[in-house]
Protein backbone atom coordinates (compact mmCIF):
# COMPACT_ATOMS: atom_id res chain seq x y z
CA MET A 1 -12.00 5.92 -10.69
CA MET A 2 -9.13 8.38 -11.44
CA SER A 3 -6.28 7.29 -13.76
CA CYS A 4 -3.34 9.30 -14.83
CA ASP A 5 -1.73 9.25 -18.49
CA CYS A 6 0.57 11.97 -17.34
CA GLU A 7 2.97 11.74 -20.33
CA ASN A 8 0.29 13.08 -22.80
CA MET A 9 -1.08 15.86 -20.74
CA LYS A 10 -0.84 19.57 -21.23
CA LYS A 11 -0.18 21.97 -18.42
CA ASP A 12 -3.74 22.81 -17.60
CA GLU A 13 -4.74 19.14 -17.68
CA MET A 14 -1.97 18.21 -15.32
CA LEU A 15 -3.12 21.12 -12.83
CA MET A 16 -6.74 19.85 -13.07
CA LYS A 17 -5.62 16.16 -12.27
CA ILE A 18 -3.54 17.47 -9.31
CA LYS A 19 -6.47 19.21 -7.89
CA GLU A 20 -8.64 16.13 -8.42
CA TYR A 21 -6.03 13.97 -6.60
CA GLN A 22 -5.67 16.51 -3.79
CA PHE A 23 -9.47 16.66 -3.30
CA ALA A 24 -9.63 12.78 -3.11
CA VAL A 25 -6.74 12.49 -0.73
CA VAL A 26 -8.17 15.02 1.58
CA GLU A 27 -11.68 13.76 1.49
CA LEU A 28 -10.47 10.26 2.06
CA ALA A 29 -8.39 11.41 4.98
CA LEU A 30 -11.44 12.95 6.55
CA TYR A 31 -13.50 9.90 6.07
CA LEU A 32 -10.68 7.62 7.57
CA ASP A 33 -10.90 9.92 10.71
CA THR A 34 -14.20 8.49 11.52
CA HIS A 35 -13.85 5.03 9.77
CA PRO A 36 -10.16 3.98 10.39
CA GLU A 37 -10.88 0.33 9.75
CA ASP A 38 -12.15 0.68 6.16
CA GLU A 39 -9.55 -1.06 4.15
CA ARG A 40 -10.85 -0.04 0.80
CA ALA A 41 -10.83 3.67 1.69
CA LEU A 42 -7.33 3.27 3.27
CA CYS A 43 -6.08 1.52 0.02
CA LEU A 44 -7.65 4.35 -2.23
CA HIS A 45 -6.02 6.95 0.00
CA ARG A 46 -2.60 5.36 -0.49
CA LYS A 47 -3.11 4.98 -4.11
CA TYR A 48 -4.25 8.58 -4.73
CA ALA A 49 -1.56 9.99 -2.49
CA LYS A 50 1.14 8.19 -4.54
CA GLU A 51 -0.35 9.16 -7.77
CA LEU A 52 -0.59 12.73 -6.58
CA LYS A 53 3.02 12.80 -5.49
CA GLU A 54 4.10 11.29 -8.90
CA LEU A 55 2.10 13.75 -10.83
CA LYS A 56 3.23 16.72 -8.91
CA ASP A 57 6.95 15.70 -9.29
CA LYS A 58 6.39 15.41 -13.08
CA TYR A 59 4.60 18.76 -13.25
CA GLN A 60 7.27 20.52 -11.30
CA LYS A 61 10.00 19.08 -13.37
CA VAL A 62 8.51 20.45 -16.68
CA TYR A 63 6.79 23.58 -15.48
CA GLY A 64 8.40 24.55 -12.26
CA PRO A 65 7.35 24.66 -8.53
CA LEU A 66 3.74 24.55 -7.46
CA THR A 67 4.64 25.92 -4.08
CA ILE A 68 7.56 27.67 -2.41
CA ASN A 69 8.35 24.45 -0.71
CA TYR A 70 9.54 22.69 -3.80
CA PRO A 71 13.18 22.65 -3.92
CA CYS A 72 14.79 24.08 -6.99
CA ASN A 73 17.65 26.26 -8.01
CA LYS A 74 15.60 28.57 -10.11
CA TRP A 75 12.44 30.49 -9.62
CA ARG A 76 10.71 29.71 -12.97
CA TRP A 77 7.70 31.68 -12.37
CA ILE A 78 9.60 35.01 -12.86
CA GLU A 79 10.20 34.05 -16.47
CA GLU A 80 6.38 34.22 -17.18
CA PRO A 81 4.39 37.35 -17.45
CA TRP A 82 2.92 38.59 -14.13
CA PRO A 83 -0.85 38.44 -13.91
CA TRP A 84 -1.10 42.21 -14.61
CA GLU A 85 1.10 41.82 -17.72
CA ARG A 86 -1.09 39.19 -19.42
CA GLY A 87 -3.72 41.64 -20.44
CA ASN A 88 -7.37 40.76 -20.72
CA ASN A 89 -7.82 37.18 -21.90
């Protein structure tokens, strides 16, 4: 089962956890399309969707928007090097 200790996570760890929650939410939604009466799956979907939203909000407050849909007054990604400026890592 997934759990989130968001306060002690680094940027990469938070992104990985966001991906995990997104995967779980989508897969549970697909499952619920064919099993709408499964209370356990519905409960897990709600839980993971809530945790995903909370984690995304925390990430975006610290590191900036994950998507263009996130409301902010500043485009923080322009402060970081562009992919071609990073060199060969």
